[in-house]
Amino acid sequence: QVQLVESGGGLVQPGGSLRVSCTASGLAFSSSAIGWFRQAPGKERKFVTAINWSGTTYSEDSVKGRFTCSRDNAKNTVYLQIDSLTHEETAVYYCAERAHPYGSRSVDDYPCWGQGTQVTVSL
């Protein structure tokens, strides 16, 4: 059974940074793409970034240059470094596994999800 566990969320001031992690079990992690999504209160879940099996990444335009995704296959963990956060980026951040070497921007392409970690940007 595939399980994903996010950690590292919390409260950060505008302009601040945070690193969230996603640790996986029960899958062939090194050959799977992992996606990151976020969901603000009252809004739909939206794509943020994804990392392919090879370590290549692609991101939603508004986070390019500020969000960095990396993976450590030895630890079955993907990291999302988030810099220069804005209040509007307050959301629950989710990682998801696609059971495919390449990621996708679509929520529907990810069958397995973590429970999410809250990121709150506030003074």
PDB file of N, CA and C in Angstrom:
ATOM      1  N   GLN A   1       0.848  -1.192   0.000  1.00  0.00           N
ATOM      2  CA  GLN A   1       0.000   0.000   0.000  1.00  0.00           C
ATOM      3  C   GLN A   1       0.884   1.242   0.000  1.00  0.00           C
ATOM      4  N   VAL A   2       0.585   2.157  -0.924  1.00  0.00           N
ATOM      5  CA  VAL A   2       1.369   3.375  -1.041  1.00  0.00           C
ATOM      6  C   VAL A   2       0.945   4.368   0.039  1.00  0.00           C
ATOM      7  N   GLN A   3       1.929   4.936   0.696  1.00  0.00           N
ATOM      8  CA  GLN A   3       1.651   5.984   1.687  1.00  0.00           C
ATOM      9  C   GLN A   3       2.599   7.148   1.472  1.00  0.00           C
ATOM     10  N   LEU A   4       2.048   8.339   1.579  1.00  0.00           N
ATOM     11  CA  LEU A   4       2.826   9.563   1.479  1.00  0.00           C
ATOM     12  C   LEU A   4       2.573  10.384   2.732  1.00  0.00           C
ATOM     13  N   VAL A   5       3.634  10.895   3.325  1.00  0.00           N
ATOM     14  CA  VAL A   5       3.496  11.692   4.536  1.00  0.00           C
ATOM     15  C   VAL A   5       4.251  12.998   4.354  1.00  0.00           C
ATOM     16  N   GLU A   6       3.494  14.105   4.417  1.00  0.00           N
ATOM     17  CA  GLU A   6       4.118  15.425   4.335  1.00  0.00           C
ATOM     18  C   GLU A   6       4.494  15.915   5.728  1.00  0.00           C
ATOM     19  N   SER A   7       5.511  16.743   5.779  1.00  0.00           N
ATOM     20  CA  SER A   7       5.901  17.382   7.035  1.00  0.00           C
ATOM     21  C   SER A   7       6.597  18.693   6.725  1.00  0.00           C
ATOM     22  N   GLY A   8       6.738  19.526   7.753  1.00  0.00           N
ATOM     23  CA  GLY A   8       7.511  20.749   7.601  1.00  0.00           C
ATOM     24  C   GLY A   8       6.708  22.011   7.406  1.00  0.00           C
ATOM     25  N   GLY A   9       5.404  21.912   7.371  1.00  0.00           N
ATOM     26  CA  GLY A   9       4.605  23.120   7.257  1.00  0.00           C
ATOM     27  C   GLY A   9       4.656  23.930   8.536  1.00  0.00           C
ATOM     28  N   GLY A  10       4.040  25.103   8.486  1.00  0.00           N
ATOM     29  CA  GLY A  10       3.996  25.934   9.680  1.00  0.00           C
ATOM     30  C   GLY A  10       3.659  27.368   9.358  1.00  0.00           C
ATOM     31  N   LEU A  11       3.947  28.232  10.309  1.00  0.00           N
ATOM     32  CA  LEU A  11       3.685  29.662  10.181  1.00  0.00           C
ATOM     33  C   LEU A  11       4.962  30.372   9.774  1.00  0.00           C
ATOM     34  N   VAL A  12       4.858  31.206   8.761  1.00  0.00           N
ATOM     35  CA  VAL A  12       6.013  31.954   8.286  1.00  0.00           C
ATOM     36  C   VAL A  12       5.569  33.354   7.914  1.00  0.00           C
ATOM     37  N   GLN A  13       6.435  34.310   8.086  1.00  0.00           N
ATOM     38  CA  GLN A  13       6.120  35.694   7.741  1.00  0.00           C
ATOM     39  C   GLN A  13       6.216  35.911   6.244  1.00  0.00           C
ATOM     40  N   PRO A  14       5.500  36.901   5.728  1.00  0.00           N
ATOM     41  CA  PRO A  14       5.631  37.225   4.300  1.00  0.00           C
ATOM     42  C   PRO A  14       7.084  37.479   3.931  1.00  0.00           C
ATOM     43  N   GLY A  15       7.490  36.909   2.803  1.00  0.00           N
ATOM     44  CA  GLY A  15       8.884  37.002   2.387  1.00  0.00           C
ATOM     45  C   GLY A  15       9.767  35.923   2.946  1.00  0.00           C
ATOM     46  N   GLY A  16       9.232  35.123   3.844  1.00  0.00           N
ATOM     47  CA  GLY A  16      10.009  34.073   4.477  1.00  0.00           C
ATOM     48  C   GLY A  16      10.082  32.800   3.669  1.00  0.00           C
ATOM     49  N   SER A  17      10.774  31.816   4.252  1.00  0.00           N
ATOM     50  CA  SER A  17      11.018  30.542   3.566  1.00  0.00           C
ATOM     51  C   SER A  17      10.620  29.374   4.454  1.00  0.00           C
ATOM     52  N   LEU A  18      10.382  28.266   3.781  1.00  0.00           N
ATOM     53  CA  LEU A  18       9.989  27.051   4.477  1.00  0.00           C
ATOM     54  C   LEU A  18      10.397  25.875   3.594  1.00  0.00           C
ATOM     55  N   ARG A  19      10.696  24.741   4.220  1.00  0.00           N
ATOM     56  CA  ARG A  19      10.929  23.529   3.443  1.00  0.00           C
ATOM     57  C   ARG A  19       9.965  22.459   3.921  1.00  0.00           C
ATOM     58  N   VAL A  20       9.208  21.930   3.001  1.00  0.00           N
ATOM     59  CA  VAL A  20       8.296  20.836   3.316  1.00  0.00           C
ATOM     60  C   VAL A  20       8.823  19.558   2.670  1.00  0.00           C
ATOM     61  N   SER A  21       8.525  18.450   3.311  1.00  0.00           N
ATOM     62  CA  SER A  21       9.024  17.152   2.850  1.00  0.00           C
ATOM     63  C   SER A  21       7.868  16.201   2.591  1.00  0.00           C
ATOM     64  N   CYS A  22       8.125  15.246   1.735  1.00  0.00           N
ATOM     65  CA  CYS A  22       7.154  14.201   1.426  1.00  0.00           C
ATOM     66  C   CYS A  22       7.901  12.876   1.418  1.00  0.00           C
ATOM     67  N   THR A  23       7.592  12.038   2.386  1.00  0.00           N
ATOM     68  CA  THR A  23       8.251  10.734   2.481  1.00  0.00           C
ATOM     69  C   THR A  23       7.278   9.643   2.074  1.00  0.00           C
ATOM     70  N   ALA A  24       7.747   8.767   1.193  1.00  0.00           N
ATOM     71  CA  ALA A  24       6.880   7.747   0.606  1.00  0.00           C
ATOM     72  C   ALA A  24       7.269   6.342   1.059  1.00  0.00           C
ATOM     73  N   SER A  25       6.303   5.468   1.051  1.00  0.00           N
ATOM     74  CA  SER A  25       6.539   4.056   1.316  1.00  0.00           C
ATOM     75  C   SER A  25       5.580   3.239   0.471  1.00  0.00           C
ATOM     76  N   GLY A  26       5.975   1.990   0.217  1.00  0.00           N
ATOM     77  CA  GLY A  26       5.096   1.093  -0.501  1.00  0.00           C
ATOM     78  C   GLY A  26       5.042   1.285  -1.998  1.00  0.00           C
ATOM     79  N   LEU A  27       6.069   1.913  -2.569  1.00  0.00           N
ATOM     80  CA  LEU A  27       6.084   2.088  -4.015  1.00  0.00           C
ATOM     81  C   LEU A  27       7.524   2.061  -4.510  1.00  0.00           C
ATOM     82  N   ALA A  28       7.644   1.922  -5.824  1.00  0.00           N
ATOM     83  CA  ALA A  28       8.962   1.996  -6.442  1.00  0.00           C
ATOM     84  C   ALA A  28       9.320   3.465  -6.569  1.00  0.00           C
ATOM     85  N   PHE A  29       9.785   4.030  -5.490  1.00  0.00           N
ATOM     86  CA  PHE A  29       9.926   5.484  -5.395  1.00  0.00           C
ATOM     87  C   PHE A  29      10.830   6.049  -6.477  1.00  0.00           C
ATOM     88  N   SER A  30      11.941   5.408  -6.726  1.00  0.00           N
ATOM     89  CA  SER A  30      12.929   5.990  -7.638  1.00  0.00           C
ATOM     90  C   SER A  30      12.435   6.059  -9.082  1.00  0.00           C
ATOM     91  N   SER A  31      11.399   5.325  -9.417  1.00  0.00           N
ATOM     92  CA  SER A  31      10.871   5.357 -10.783  1.00  0.00           C
ATOM     93  C   SER A  31       9.536   6.088 -10.875  1.00  0.00           C
ATOM     94  N   SER A  32       9.154   6.774  -9.808  1.00  0.00           N
ATOM     95  CA  SER A  32       7.858   7.466  -9.767  1.00  0.00           C
ATOM     96  C   SER A  32       8.031   8.982  -9.747  1.00  0.00           C
ATOM     97  N   ALA A  33       7.137   9.640 -10.445  1.00  0.00           N
ATOM     98  CA  ALA A  33       7.072  11.100 -10.379  1.00  0.00           C
ATOM     99  C   ALA A  33       6.247  11.512  -9.155  1.00  0.00           C
ATOM    100  N   ILE A  34       6.628  12.622  -8.569  1.00  0.00           N
ATOM    101  CA  ILE A  34       5.903  13.184  -7.438  1.00  0.00           C
ATOM    102  C   ILE A  34       5.467  14.596  -7.782  1.00  0.00           C
ATOM    103  N   GLY A  35       4.234  14.907  -7.494  1.00  0.00           N
ATOM    104  CA  GLY A  35       3.718  16.248  -7.730  1.00  0.00           C
ATOM    105  C   GLY A  35       3.401  16.941  -6.424  1.00  0.00           C
ATOM    106  N   TRP A  36       3.489  18.266  -6.445  1.00  0.00           N
ATOM    107  CA  TRP A  36       3.062  19.096  -5.313  1.00  0.00           C
ATOM    108  C   TRP A  36       1.890  19.956  -5.761  1.00  0.00           C
ATOM    109  N   PHE A  37       0.888  20.012  -4.909  1.00  0.00           N
ATOM    110  CA  PHE A  37      -0.293  20.823  -5.152  1.00  0.00           C
ATOM    111  C   PHE A  37      -0.595  21.611  -3.889  1.00  0.00           C
ATOM    112  N   ARG A  38      -1.408  22.626  -4.016  1.00  0.00           N
ATOM    113  CA  ARG A  38      -1.840  23.364  -2.834  1.00  0.00           C
ATOM    114  C   ARG A  38      -3.303  23.737  -2.969  1.00  0.00           C
ATOM    115  N   GLN A  39      -3.930  23.856  -1.816  1.00  0.00           N
ATOM    116  CA  GLN A  39      -5.346  24.177  -1.775  1.00  0.00           C
ATOM    117  C   GLN A  39      -5.587  25.226  -0.706  1.00  0.00           C
ATOM    118  N   ALA A  40      -5.981  26.409  -1.167  1.00  0.00           N
ATOM    119  CA  ALA A  40      -6.327  27.486  -0.249  1.00  0.00           C
ATOM    120  C   ALA A  40      -7.761  27.308   0.217  1.00  0.00           C
ATOM    121  N   PRO A  41      -8.118  27.909   1.347  1.00  0.00           N
ATOM    122  CA  PRO A  41      -9.485  27.767   1.865  1.00  0.00           C
ATOM    123  C   PRO A  41     -10.535  28.190   0.845  1.00  0.00           C
ATOM    124  N   GLY A  42     -11.489  27.317   0.604  1.00  0.00           N
ATOM    125  CA  GLY A  42     -12.574  27.632  -0.309  1.00  0.00           C
ATOM    126  C   GLY A  42     -12.226  27.572  -1.784  1.00  0.00           C
ATOM    127  N   LYS A  43     -11.024  27.108  -2.094  1.00  0.00           N
ATOM    128  CA  LYS A  43     -10.598  27.062  -3.497  1.00  0.00           C
ATOM    129  C   LYS A  43     -10.231  25.639  -3.904  1.00  0.00           C
ATOM    130  N   GLU A  44     -10.117  25.422  -5.190  1.00  0.00           N
ATOM    131  CA  GLU A  44      -9.774  24.094  -5.680  1.00  0.00           C
ATOM    132  C   GLU A  44      -8.281  23.832  -5.527  1.00  0.00           C
ATOM    133  N   ARG A  45      -7.944  22.558  -5.518  1.00  0.00           N
ATOM    134  CA  ARG A  45      -6.551  22.157  -5.416  1.00  0.00           C
ATOM    135  C   ARG A  45      -5.841  22.442  -6.738  1.00  0.00           C
ATOM    136  N   LYS A  46      -4.660  23.063  -6.638  1.00  0.00           N
ATOM    137  CA  LYS A  46      -3.965  23.501  -7.848  1.00  0.00           C
ATOM    138  C   LYS A  46      -2.529  22.997  -7.890  1.00  0.00           C
ATOM    139  N   PHE A  47      -2.057  22.751  -9.085  1.00  0.00           N
ATOM    140  CA  PHE A  47      -0.696  22.300  -9.326  1.00  0.00           C
ATOM    141  C   PHE A  47       0.318  23.367  -8.934  1.00  0.00           C
ATOM    142  N   VAL A  48       1.419  22.913  -8.317  1.00  0.00           N
ATOM    143  CA  VAL A  48       2.513  23.813  -7.974  1.00  0.00           C
ATOM    144  C   VAL A  48       3.767  23.429  -8.755  1.00  0.00           C
ATOM    145  N   THR A  49       4.200  22.186  -8.560  1.00  0.00           N
ATOM    146  CA  THR A  49       5.418  21.725  -9.221  1.00  0.00           C
ATOM    147  C   THR A  49       5.434  20.199  -9.223  1.00  0.00           C
ATOM    148  N   ALA A  50       6.276  19.640 -10.075  1.00  0.00           N
ATOM    149  CA  ALA A  50       6.413  18.182 -10.126  1.00  0.00           C
ATOM    150  C   ALA A  50       7.861  17.826 -10.416  1.00  0.00           C
ATOM    151  N   ILE A  51       8.257  16.664  -9.932  1.00  0.00           N
ATOM    152  CA  ILE A  51       9.608  16.175 -10.182  1.00  0.00           C
ATOM    153  C   ILE A  51       9.501  14.782 -10.796  1.00  0.00           C
ATOM    154  N   ASN A  52      10.155  14.630 -11.937  1.00  0.00           N
ATOM    155  CA  ASN A  52      10.140  13.347 -12.630  1.00  0.00           C
ATOM    156  C   ASN A  52      11.099  12.358 -11.966  1.00  0.00           C
ATOM    157  N   TRP A  53      11.060  11.120 -12.429  1.00  0.00           N
ATOM    158  CA  TRP A  53      11.924  10.092 -11.859  1.00  0.00           C
ATOM    159  C   TRP A  53      13.395  10.479 -11.960  1.00  0.00           C
ATOM    160  N   SER A  54      13.744  11.218 -13.005  1.00  0.00           N
ATOM    161  CA  SER A  54      15.136  11.576 -13.269  1.00  0.00           C
ATOM    162  C   SER A  54      15.601  12.772 -12.452  1.00  0.00           C
ATOM    163  N   GLY A  55      14.661  13.449 -11.792  1.00  0.00           N
ATOM    164  CA  GLY A  55      15.018  14.636 -11.029  1.00  0.00           C
ATOM    165  C   GLY A  55      14.712  15.940 -11.740  1.00  0.00           C
ATOM    166  N   THR A  56      14.297  15.858 -12.994  1.00  0.00           N
ATOM    167  CA  THR A  56      13.911  17.091 -13.690  1.00  0.00           C
ATOM    168  C   THR A  56      12.584  17.586 -13.127  1.00  0.00           C
ATOM    169  N   THR A  57      12.436  18.894 -13.113  1.00  0.00           N
ATOM    170  CA  THR A  57      11.247  19.498 -12.526  1.00  0.00           C
ATOM    171  C   THR A  57      10.593  20.494 -13.484  1.00  0.00           C
ATOM    172  N   TYR A  58       9.333  20.770 -13.234  1.00  0.00           N
ATOM    173  CA  TYR A  58       8.664  21.870 -13.907  1.00  0.00           C
ATOM    174  C   TYR A  58       7.626  22.415 -12.953  1.00  0.00           C
ATOM    175  N   SER A  59       7.330  23.713 -13.096  1.00  0.00           N
ATOM    176  CA  SER A  59       6.515  24.404 -12.108  1.00  0.00           C
ATOM    177  C   SER A  59       5.492  25.318 -12.746  1.00  0.00           C
ATOM    178  N   GLU A  60       4.522  25.622 -11.946  1.00  0.00           N
ATOM    179  CA  GLU A  60       3.536  26.636 -12.315  1.00  0.00           C
ATOM    180  C   GLU A  60       4.258  27.981 -12.377  1.00  0.00           C
ATOM    181  N   ASP A  61       3.850  28.835 -13.308  1.00  0.00           N
ATOM    182  CA  ASP A  61       4.603  30.055 -13.601  1.00  0.00           C
ATOM    183  C   ASP A  61       4.836  30.946 -12.382  1.00  0.00           C
ATOM    184  N   SER A  62       3.844  31.077 -11.516  1.00  0.00           N
ATOM    185  CA  SER A  62       3.960  32.038 -10.415  1.00  0.00           C
ATOM    186  C   SER A  62       4.987  31.625  -9.367  1.00  0.00           C
ATOM    187  N   VAL A  63       5.418  30.388  -9.368  1.00  0.00           N
ATOM    188  CA  VAL A  63       6.371  29.938  -8.358  1.00  0.00           C
ATOM    189  C   VAL A  63       7.770  29.719  -8.908  1.00  0.00           C
ATOM    190  N   LYS A  64       7.933  29.860 -10.210  1.00  0.00           N
ATOM    191  CA  LYS A  64       9.253  29.653 -10.811  1.00  0.00           C
ATOM    192  C   LYS A  64      10.265  30.629 -10.212  1.00  0.00           C
ATOM    193  N   GLY A  65      11.404  30.096  -9.859  1.00  0.00           N
ATOM    194  CA  GLY A  65      12.439  30.915  -9.255  1.00  0.00           C
ATOM    195  C   GLY A  65      12.308  31.044  -7.751  1.00  0.00           C
ATOM    196  N   ARG A  66      11.172  30.625  -7.192  1.00  0.00           N
ATOM    197  CA  ARG A  66      10.975  30.715  -5.737  1.00  0.00           C
ATOM    198  C   ARG A  66      10.776  29.341  -5.085  1.00  0.00           C
ATOM    199  N   PHE A  67      10.217  28.410  -5.806  1.00  0.00           N
ATOM    200  CA  PHE A  67       9.969  27.068  -5.291  1.00  0.00           C
ATOM    201  C   PHE A  67      10.956  26.115  -5.963  1.00  0.00           C
ATOM    202  N   THR A  68      11.622  25.310  -5.156  1.00  0.00           N
ATOM    203  CA  THR A  68      12.585  24.356  -5.680  1.00  0.00           C
ATOM    204  C   THR A  68      12.260  22.965  -5.170  1.00  0.00           C
ATOM    205  N   CYS A  69      12.105  22.048  -6.097  1.00  0.00           N
ATOM    206  CA  CYS A  69      11.769  20.673  -5.756  1.00  0.00           C
ATOM    207  C   CYS A  69      12.979  19.774  -5.994  1.00  0.00           C
ATOM    208  N   SER A  70      13.244  18.890  -5.054  1.00  0.00           N
ATOM    209  CA  SER A  70      14.357  17.952  -5.208  1.00  0.00           C
ATOM    210  C   SER A  70      13.952  16.614  -4.590  1.00  0.00           C
ATOM    211  N   ARG A  71      14.725  15.591  -4.893  1.00  0.00           N
ATOM    212  CA  ARG A  71      14.407  14.279  -4.350  1.00  0.00           C
ATOM    213  C   ARG A  71      15.668  13.567  -3.884  1.00  0.00           C
ATOM    214  N   ASP A  72      15.491  12.756  -2.853  1.00  0.00           N
ATOM    215  CA  ASP A  72      16.555  11.913  -2.321  1.00  0.00           C
ATOM    216  C   ASP A  72      16.019  10.488  -2.352  1.00  0.00           C
ATOM    217  N   ASN A  73      16.390   9.753  -3.383  1.00  0.00           N
ATOM    218  CA  ASN A  73      15.839   8.408  -3.553  1.00  0.00           C
ATOM    219  C   ASN A  73      16.277   7.458  -2.441  1.00  0.00           C
ATOM    220  N   ALA A  74      17.430   7.691  -1.861  1.00  0.00           N
ATOM    221  CA  ALA A  74      17.901   6.837  -0.768  1.00  0.00           C
ATOM    222  C   ALA A  74      17.004   6.959   0.460  1.00  0.00           C
ATOM    223  N   LYS A  75      16.349   8.110   0.585  1.00  0.00           N
ATOM    224  CA  LYS A  75      15.469   8.357   1.738  1.00  0.00           C
ATOM    225  C   LYS A  75      13.990   8.299   1.350  1.00  0.00           C
ATOM    226  N   ASN A  76      13.701   7.979   0.085  1.00  0.00           N
ATOM    227  CA  ASN A  76      12.307   7.962  -0.392  1.00  0.00           C
ATOM    228  C   ASN A  76      11.594   9.274  -0.072  1.00  0.00           C
ATOM    229  N   THR A  77      12.295  10.364  -0.268  1.00  0.00           N
ATOM    230  CA  THR A  77      11.763  11.660   0.146  1.00  0.00           C
ATOM    231  C   THR A  77      11.930  12.694  -0.963  1.00  0.00           C
ATOM    232  N   VAL A  78      10.904  13.505  -1.111  1.00  0.00           N
ATOM    233  CA  VAL A  78      10.942  14.664  -1.997  1.00  0.00           C
ATOM    234  C   VAL A  78      10.822  15.907  -1.132  1.00  0.00           C
ATOM    235  N   TYR A  79      11.580  16.922  -1.494  1.00  0.00           N
ATOM    236  CA  TYR A  79      11.584  18.177  -0.742  1.00  0.00           C
ATOM    237  C   TYR A  79      11.044  19.307  -1.609  1.00  0.00           C
ATOM    238  N   LEU A  80      10.357  20.228  -0.963  1.00  0.00           N
ATOM    239  CA  LEU A  80       9.916  21.443  -1.632  1.00  0.00           C
ATOM    240  C   LEU A  80      10.402  22.624  -0.813  1.00  0.00           C
ATOM    241  N   GLN A  81      11.388  23.317  -1.357  1.00  0.00           N
ATOM    242  CA  GLN A  81      11.902  24.540  -0.729  1.00  0.00           C
ATOM    243  C   GLN A  81      11.076  25.712  -1.249  1.00  0.00           C
ATOM    244  N   ILE A  82      10.486  26.447  -0.322  1.00  0.00           N
ATOM    245  CA  ILE A  82       9.584  27.535  -0.699  1.00  0.00           C
ATOM    246  C   ILE A  82      10.184  28.840  -0.196  1.00  0.00           C
ATOM    247  N   ASP A  83      10.468  29.746  -1.086  1.00  0.00           N
ATOM    248  CA  ASP A  83      11.061  31.031  -0.730  1.00  0.00           C
ATOM    249  C   ASP A  83      10.136  32.187  -1.108  1.00  0.00           C
ATOM    250  N   SER A  84      10.376  33.335  -0.478  1.00  0.00           N
ATOM    251  CA  SER A  84       9.642  34.572  -0.793  1.00  0.00           C
ATOM    252  C   SER A  84       8.136  34.350  -0.770  1.00  0.00           C
ATOM    253  N   LEU A  85       7.658  33.754   0.287  1.00  0.00           N
ATOM    254  CA  LEU A  85       6.228  33.439   0.386  1.00  0.00           C
ATOM    255  C   LEU A  85       5.381  34.704   0.528  1.00  0.00           C
ATOM    256  N   THR A  86       4.199  34.655  -0.034  1.00  0.00           N
ATOM    257  CA  THR A  86       3.227  35.746   0.084  1.00  0.00           C
ATOM    258  C   THR A  86       2.012  35.248   0.859  1.00  0.00           C
ATOM    259  N   HIS A  87       1.265  36.197   1.379  1.00  0.00           N
ATOM    260  CA  HIS A  87       0.071  35.848   2.145  1.00  0.00           C
ATOM    261  C   HIS A  87      -0.882  34.987   1.327  1.00  0.00           C
ATOM    262  N   GLU A  88      -0.958  35.294   0.024  1.00  0.00           N
ATOM    263  CA  GLU A  88      -1.893  34.576  -0.853  1.00  0.00           C
ATOM    264  C   GLU A  88      -1.512  33.108  -1.032  1.00  0.00           C
ATOM    265  N   GLU A  89      -0.324  32.730  -0.598  1.00  0.00           N
ATOM    266  CA  GLU A  89       0.116  31.343  -0.740  1.00  0.00           C
ATOM    267  C   GLU A  89      -0.166  30.500   0.497  1.00  0.00           C
ATOM    268  N   THR A  90      -0.899  31.074   1.428  1.00  0.00           N
ATOM    269  CA  THR A  90      -1.395  30.290   2.549  1.00  0.00           C
ATOM    270  C   THR A  90      -2.315  29.194   2.024  1.00  0.00           C
ATOM    271  N   ALA A  91      -1.998  27.958   2.367  1.00  0.00           N
ATOM    272  CA  ALA A  91      -2.754  26.831   1.825  1.00  0.00           C
ATOM    273  C   ALA A  91      -2.295  25.543   2.498  1.00  0.00           C
ATOM    274  N   VAL A  92      -3.032  24.485   2.251  1.00  0.00           N
ATOM    275  CA  VAL A  92      -2.562  23.149   2.583  1.00  0.00           C
ATOM    276  C   VAL A  92      -1.784  22.643   1.366  1.00  0.00           C
ATOM    277  N   TYR A  93      -0.568  22.218   1.607  1.00  0.00           N
ATOM    278  CA  TYR A  93       0.290  21.730   0.544  1.00  0.00           C
ATOM    279  C   TYR A  93       0.295  20.200   0.567  1.00  0.00           C
ATOM    280  N   TYR A  94       0.022  19.609  -0.590  1.00  0.00           N
ATOM    281  CA  TYR A  94      -0.077  18.160  -0.718  1.00  0.00           C
ATOM    282  C   TYR A  94       0.982  17.636  -1.685  1.00  0.00           C
ATOM    283  N   CYS A  95       1.527  16.478  -1.370  1.00  0.00           N
ATOM    284  CA  CYS A  95       2.309  15.757  -2.368  1.00  0.00           C
ATOM    285  C   CYS A  95       1.463  14.582  -2.861  1.00  0.00           C
ATOM    286  N   ALA A  96       1.769  14.148  -4.073  1.00  0.00           N
ATOM    287  CA  ALA A  96       1.011  13.071  -4.685  1.00  0.00           C
ATOM    288  C   ALA A  96       1.925  12.249  -5.578  1.00  0.00           C
ATOM    289  N   GLU A  97       1.633  10.970  -5.655  1.00  0.00           N
ATOM    290  CA  GLU A  97       2.441  10.050  -6.453  1.00  0.00           C
ATOM    291  C   GLU A  97       1.642   9.589  -7.653  1.00  0.00           C
ATOM    292  N   ARG A  98       2.314   9.545  -8.808  1.00  0.00           N
ATOM    293  CA  ARG A  98       1.597   9.302 -10.041  1.00  0.00           C
ATOM    294  C   ARG A  98       1.697   7.877 -10.559  1.00  0.00           C
ATOM    295  N   ALA A  99       2.562   7.041 -10.001  1.00  0.00           N
ATOM    296  CA  ALA A  99       2.781   5.687 -10.528  1.00  0.00           C
ATOM    297  C   ALA A  99       3.195   5.738 -11.989  1.00  0.00           C
ATOM    298  N   HIS A 100       4.037   6.684 -12.308  1.00  0.00           N
ATOM    299  CA  HIS A 100       4.497   6.914 -13.677  1.00  0.00           C
ATOM    300  C   HIS A 100       5.813   7.673 -13.562  1.00  0.00           C
ATOM    301  N   PRO A 101       6.729   7.486 -14.504  1.00  0.00           N
ATOM    302  CA  PRO A 101       8.019   8.180 -14.376  1.00  0.00           C
ATOM    303  C   PRO A 101       7.940   9.695 -14.548  1.00  0.00           C
ATOM    304  N   TYR A 102       6.880  10.154 -15.243  1.00  0.00           N
ATOM    305  CA  TYR A 102       6.780  11.574 -15.530  1.00  0.00           C
ATOM    306  C   TYR A 102       5.535  12.167 -14.875  1.00  0.00           C
ATOM    307  N   GLY A 103       5.698  13.367 -14.370  1.00  0.00           N
ATOM    308  CA  GLY A 103       4.607  14.003 -13.665  1.00  0.00           C
ATOM    309  C   GLY A 103       3.574  14.595 -14.585  1.00  0.00           C
ATOM    310  N   SER A 104       2.594  15.223 -13.964  1.00  0.00           N
ATOM    311  CA  SER A 104       1.496  15.840 -14.693  1.00  0.00           C
ATOM    312  C   SER A 104       1.009  17.045 -13.895  1.00  0.00           C
ATOM    313  N   ARG A 105       0.367  17.983 -14.574  1.00  0.00           N
ATOM    314  CA  ARG A 105      -0.212  19.144 -13.903  1.00  0.00           C
ATOM    315  C   ARG A 105      -1.638  18.885 -13.432  1.00  0.00           C
ATOM    316  N   SER A 106      -2.168  17.735 -13.794  1.00  0.00           N
ATOM    317  CA  SER A 106      -3.569  17.451 -13.498  1.00  0.00           C
ATOM    318  C   SER A 106      -3.733  16.668 -12.202  1.00  0.00           C
ATOM    319  N   VAL A 107      -4.617  17.152 -11.357  1.00  0.00           N
ATOM    320  CA  VAL A 107      -4.959  16.458 -10.114  1.00  0.00           C
ATOM    321  C   VAL A 107      -5.421  15.033 -10.400  1.00  0.00           C
ATOM    322  N   ASP A 108      -6.140  14.869 -11.473  1.00  0.00           N
ATOM    323  CA  ASP A 108      -6.746  13.571 -11.783  1.00  0.00           C
ATOM    324  C   ASP A 108      -5.722  12.499 -12.159  1.00  0.00           C
ATOM    325  N   ASP A 109      -4.502  12.894 -12.444  1.00  0.00           N
ATOM    326  CA  ASP A 109      -3.473  11.928 -12.855  1.00  0.00           C
ATOM    327  C   ASP A 109      -2.696  11.343 -11.683  1.00  0.00           C
ATOM    328  N   TYR A 110      -3.055  11.728 -10.479  1.00  0.00           N
ATOM    329  CA  TYR A 110      -2.336  11.254  -9.295  1.00  0.00           C
ATOM    330  C   TYR A 110      -3.272  10.424  -8.422  1.00  0.00           C
ATOM    331  N   PRO A 111      -3.070   9.123  -8.347  1.00  0.00           N
ATOM    332  CA  PRO A 111      -3.981   8.264  -7.591  1.00  0.00           C
ATOM    333  C   PRO A 111      -3.732   8.235  -6.085  1.00  0.00           C
ATOM    334  N   CYS A 112      -2.556   8.656  -5.667  1.00  0.00           N
ATOM    335  CA  CYS A 112      -2.220   8.534  -4.256  1.00  0.00           C
ATOM    336  C   CYS A 112      -1.772   9.882  -3.713  1.00  0.00           C
ATOM    337  N   TRP A 113      -2.329  10.268  -2.563  1.00  0.00           N
ATOM    338  CA  TRP A 113      -2.081  11.579  -1.978  1.00  0.00           C
ATOM    339  C   TRP A 113      -1.675  11.469  -0.518  1.00  0.00           C
ATOM    340  N   GLY A 114      -0.860  12.417  -0.084  1.00  0.00           N
ATOM    341  CA  GLY A 114      -0.593  12.546   1.333  1.00  0.00           C
ATOM    342  C   GLY A 114      -1.719  13.293   2.026  1.00  0.00           C
ATOM    343  N   GLN A 115      -1.569  13.441   3.336  1.00  0.00           N
ATOM    344  CA  GLN A 115      -2.633  14.091   4.121  1.00  0.00           C
ATOM    345  C   GLN A 115      -2.552  15.614   4.065  1.00  0.00           C
ATOM    346  N   GLY A 116      -1.452  16.142   3.572  1.00  0.00           N
ATOM    347  CA  GLY A 116      -1.278  17.578   3.459  1.00  0.00           C
ATOM    348  C   GLY A 116      -0.600  18.186   4.672  1.00  0.00           C
ATOM    349  N   THR A 117       0.052  19.311   4.443  1.00  0.00           N
ATOM    350  CA  THR A 117       0.667  20.054   5.538  1.00  0.00           C
ATOM    351  C   THR A 117       0.308  21.531   5.373  1.00  0.00           C
ATOM    352  N   GLN A 118      -0.100  22.158   6.460  1.00  0.00           N
ATOM    353  CA  GLN A 118      -0.574  23.541   6.421  1.00  0.00           C
ATOM    354  C   GLN A 118       0.613  24.497   6.383  1.00  0.00           C
ATOM    355  N   VAL A 119       0.568  25.417   5.426  1.00  0.00           N
ATOM    356  CA  VAL A 119       1.525  26.519   5.357  1.00  0.00           C
ATOM    357  C   VAL A 119       0.733  27.806   5.506  1.00  0.00           C
ATOM    358  N   THR A 120       1.044  28.570   6.531  1.00  0.00           N
ATOM    359  CA  THR A 120       0.348  29.819   6.798  1.00  0.00           C
ATOM    360  C   THR A 120       1.341  30.959   6.729  1.00  0.00           C
ATOM    361  N   VAL A 121       1.035  31.930   5.869  1.00  0.00           N
ATOM    362  CA  VAL A 121       1.905  33.089   5.693  1.00  0.00           C
ATOM    363  C   VAL A 121       1.215  34.287   6.336  1.00  0.00           C
ATOM    364  N   SER A 122       1.797  34.780   7.418  1.00  0.00           N
ATOM    365  CA  SER A 122       1.151  35.854   8.156  1.00  0.00           C
ATOM    366  C   SER A 122       2.170  36.545   9.048  1.00  0.00           C
ATOM    367  N   LEU A 123       1.876  37.818   9.377  1.00  0.00           N
ATOM    368  CA  LEU A 123       2.748  38.558  10.286  1.00  0.00           C
ATOM    369  C   LEU A 123       2.558  38.072  11.702  1.00  0.00           C
TER     370      LEU A 123
END
